[in-house]
Amino acid sequence: MVSNIGVPGFILFFNIILWGVGLFILYIVIVAAVKNGINKSVVGQLIEKNYGINANIKTFLDRDLDND
C-alpha cells in the first residue's frame, strides 16, 4: 500500500530528485563549456569565417523571464 511506504520511500524519492537536479546542473555546465570552447577555438572561428554560421542561436536557456 502507498500509506506503508514511510521514511525509506521518502528518502528514495528525495534521492531521485537530487540526482535529477544534479544531472540538470551538470548538463547546463557541459553545454556552456562546449559552446564557449567551440566558439572561441581556432577551428570554431574558422568555421564561422568560412561558412558564416550565426552564433546567436536561441536555446531554451536563453528564453528566460529575466530577458523579457
N, C-alpha and C. Protein backbone atom coordinates (compact mmCIF):
# COMPACT_ATOMS: atom_id res chain seq x y z
N MET A 1 0.82 -1.18 0.00
CA MET A 1 0.00 0.00 0.00
C MET A 1 0.87 1.25 0.00
N VAL A 2 0.31 2.32 -0.48
CA VAL A 2 1.02 3.58 -0.55
C VAL A 2 1.26 4.14 0.85
N SER A 3 0.34 3.94 1.75
CA SER A 3 0.48 4.50 3.09
C SER A 3 1.57 3.81 3.91
N ASN A 4 2.03 2.64 3.48
CA ASN A 4 3.06 1.91 4.22
C ASN A 4 4.47 2.19 3.71
N ILE A 5 4.65 3.15 2.84
CA ILE A 5 5.98 3.44 2.30
C ILE A 5 6.86 4.03 3.39
N GLY A 6 6.41 5.03 4.08
CA GLY A 6 7.12 5.59 5.21
C GLY A 6 8.37 6.35 4.84
N VAL A 7 9.31 6.41 5.81
CA VAL A 7 10.52 7.20 5.67
C VAL A 7 11.46 6.67 4.59
N PRO A 8 11.68 5.34 4.46
CA PRO A 8 12.59 4.88 3.39
C PRO A 8 12.11 5.27 1.99
N GLY A 9 10.82 5.26 1.78
CA GLY A 9 10.29 5.67 0.48
C GLY A 9 10.51 7.15 0.23
N PHE A 10 10.35 7.95 1.27
CA PHE A 10 10.59 9.39 1.14
C PHE A 10 12.07 9.67 0.84
N ILE A 11 12.95 8.94 1.51
CA ILE A 11 14.39 9.13 1.28
C ILE A 11 14.75 8.74 -0.15
N LEU A 12 14.18 7.64 -0.64
CA LEU A 12 14.43 7.22 -2.02
C LEU A 12 13.93 8.27 -2.99
N PHE A 13 12.73 8.79 -2.76
CA PHE A 13 12.17 9.82 -3.63
C PHE A 13 13.04 11.08 -3.60
N PHE A 14 13.48 11.47 -2.41
CA PHE A 14 14.34 12.64 -2.26
C PHE A 14 15.67 12.44 -2.99
N ASN A 15 16.23 11.24 -2.91
CA ASN A 15 17.49 10.95 -3.61
C ASN A 15 17.32 11.01 -5.12
N ILE A 16 16.20 10.53 -5.61
CA ILE A 16 15.94 10.59 -7.06
C ILE A 16 15.82 12.04 -7.52
N ILE A 17 15.14 12.86 -6.74
CA ILE A 17 15.00 14.29 -7.08
C ILE A 17 16.37 14.96 -7.08
N LEU A 18 17.20 14.67 -6.08
CA LEU A 18 18.54 15.27 -6.02
C LEU A 18 19.39 14.83 -7.21
N TRP A 19 19.29 13.57 -7.61
CA TRP A 19 20.02 13.10 -8.78
C TRP A 19 19.58 13.86 -10.03
N GLY A 20 18.28 14.05 -10.18
CA GLY A 20 17.76 14.77 -11.35
C GLY A 20 18.25 16.21 -11.39
N VAL A 21 18.22 16.89 -10.26
CA VAL A 21 18.69 18.28 -10.19
C VAL A 21 20.19 18.33 -10.49
N GLY A 22 20.94 17.40 -9.92
CA GLY A 22 22.39 17.37 -10.18
C GLY A 22 22.72 17.12 -11.63
N LEU A 23 21.99 16.21 -12.26
CA LEU A 23 22.24 15.93 -13.68
C LEU A 23 21.86 17.12 -14.56
N PHE A 24 20.81 17.84 -14.19
CA PHE A 24 20.42 19.03 -14.96
C PHE A 24 21.48 20.12 -14.84
N ILE A 25 22.01 20.33 -13.65
CA ILE A 25 23.07 21.32 -13.47
C ILE A 25 24.32 20.90 -14.25
N LEU A 26 24.65 19.62 -14.22
CA LEU A 26 25.79 19.13 -14.99
C LEU A 26 25.58 19.34 -16.48
N TYR A 27 24.35 19.12 -16.96
CA TYR A 27 24.03 19.35 -18.36
C TYR A 27 24.24 20.81 -18.75
N ILE A 28 23.79 21.73 -17.91
CA ILE A 28 23.94 23.16 -18.20
C ILE A 28 25.42 23.53 -18.25
N VAL A 29 26.21 23.02 -17.32
CA VAL A 29 27.64 23.33 -17.28
C VAL A 29 28.34 22.78 -18.53
N ILE A 30 28.03 21.56 -18.92
CA ILE A 30 28.67 20.96 -20.10
C ILE A 30 28.28 21.69 -21.37
N VAL A 31 27.01 22.05 -21.52
CA VAL A 31 26.56 22.77 -22.71
C VAL A 31 27.26 24.12 -22.81
N ALA A 32 27.35 24.83 -21.71
CA ALA A 32 28.01 26.14 -21.72
C ALA A 32 29.49 26.00 -22.03
N ALA A 33 30.14 25.00 -21.46
CA ALA A 33 31.58 24.81 -21.70
C ALA A 33 31.85 24.42 -23.15
N VAL A 34 31.05 23.54 -23.68
CA VAL A 34 31.26 23.11 -25.08
C VAL A 34 30.96 24.25 -26.03
N LYS A 35 29.89 24.99 -25.79
CA LYS A 35 29.53 26.10 -26.68
C LYS A 35 30.63 27.16 -26.67
N ASN A 36 31.09 27.55 -25.49
CA ASN A 36 32.15 28.55 -25.41
C ASN A 36 33.47 28.01 -25.93
N GLY A 37 33.76 26.76 -25.66
CA GLY A 37 35.01 26.17 -26.13
C GLY A 37 35.09 26.10 -27.64
N ILE A 38 33.99 25.73 -28.28
CA ILE A 38 33.98 25.63 -29.74
C ILE A 38 34.01 27.02 -30.37
N ASN A 39 33.25 27.96 -29.83
CA ASN A 39 33.18 29.29 -30.42
C ASN A 39 34.49 30.05 -30.28
N LYS A 40 35.23 29.82 -29.22
CA LYS A 40 36.48 30.55 -29.01
C LYS A 40 37.70 29.84 -29.56
N SER A 41 37.54 28.63 -30.07
CA SER A 41 38.68 27.90 -30.62
C SER A 41 39.02 28.40 -32.02
N VAL A 42 40.17 28.02 -32.48
CA VAL A 42 40.61 28.42 -33.82
C VAL A 42 39.71 27.76 -34.87
N VAL A 43 39.36 26.51 -34.66
CA VAL A 43 38.50 25.81 -35.62
C VAL A 43 37.12 26.44 -35.65
N GLY A 44 36.58 26.80 -34.49
CA GLY A 44 35.27 27.44 -34.45
C GLY A 44 35.26 28.78 -35.15
N GLN A 45 36.31 29.56 -34.97
CA GLN A 45 36.39 30.85 -35.64
C GLN A 45 36.57 30.67 -37.14
N LEU A 46 37.30 29.64 -37.55
CA LEU A 46 37.49 29.36 -38.97
C LEU A 46 36.16 28.97 -39.62
N ILE A 47 35.39 28.14 -38.93
CA ILE A 47 34.08 27.74 -39.47
C ILE A 47 33.15 28.94 -39.57
N GLU A 48 33.15 29.80 -38.56
CA GLU A 48 32.31 31.00 -38.62
C GLU A 48 32.72 31.91 -39.77
N LYS A 49 34.03 32.03 -39.99
CA LYS A 49 34.51 32.91 -41.06
C LYS A 49 34.19 32.34 -42.43
N ASN A 50 34.39 31.03 -42.62
CA ASN A 50 34.18 30.42 -43.93
C ASN A 50 32.71 30.21 -44.27
N TYR A 51 31.92 29.79 -43.31
CA TYR A 51 30.54 29.44 -43.58
C TYR A 51 29.53 30.46 -43.07
N GLY A 52 29.98 31.42 -42.31
CA GLY A 52 29.09 32.47 -41.83
C GLY A 52 28.01 31.96 -40.88
N ILE A 53 28.35 31.02 -40.04
CA ILE A 53 27.39 30.48 -39.10
C ILE A 53 27.11 31.52 -38.03
N ASN A 54 25.83 31.75 -37.78
CA ASN A 54 25.43 32.74 -36.79
C ASN A 54 25.49 32.11 -35.40
N ALA A 55 26.19 32.74 -34.49
CA ALA A 55 26.34 32.21 -33.13
C ALA A 55 25.19 32.63 -32.23
N ASN A 56 24.23 33.35 -32.74
CA ASN A 56 23.12 33.83 -31.92
C ASN A 56 21.92 32.89 -31.98
N ILE A 57 22.16 31.61 -31.94
CA ILE A 57 21.09 30.63 -31.95
C ILE A 57 20.49 30.57 -30.55
N LYS A 58 19.18 30.69 -30.47
CA LYS A 58 18.49 30.71 -29.19
C LYS A 58 18.26 29.28 -28.70
N THR A 59 18.54 29.03 -27.43
CA THR A 59 18.22 27.77 -26.80
C THR A 59 17.14 28.02 -25.77
N PHE A 60 16.66 26.95 -25.15
CA PHE A 60 15.62 27.13 -24.15
C PHE A 60 16.15 27.85 -22.92
N LEU A 61 17.45 27.84 -22.71
CA LEU A 61 18.02 28.56 -21.59
C LEU A 61 18.05 30.07 -21.84
N ASP A 62 18.01 30.48 -23.10
CA ASP A 62 18.01 31.90 -23.44
C ASP A 62 16.63 32.53 -23.29
N ARG A 63 15.59 31.73 -23.29
CA ARG A 63 14.22 32.24 -23.16
C ARG A 63 13.86 32.26 -21.67
N ASP A 64 14.49 33.14 -20.96
CA ASP A 64 14.28 33.23 -19.53
C ASP A 64 13.39 34.43 -19.23
N LEU A 65 12.73 34.41 -18.10
CA LEU A 65 11.86 35.52 -17.74
C LEU A 65 12.65 36.79 -17.47
N ASP A 66 13.92 36.66 -17.13
CA ASP A 66 14.75 37.84 -16.87
C ASP A 66 15.04 38.60 -18.16
N ASN A 67 14.93 37.96 -19.30
CA ASN A 67 15.25 38.60 -20.57
C ASN A 67 14.09 39.38 -21.15
N ASP A 68 12.91 39.27 -20.56
CA ASP A 68 11.73 39.96 -21.10
C ASP A 68 11.74 41.42 -20.73
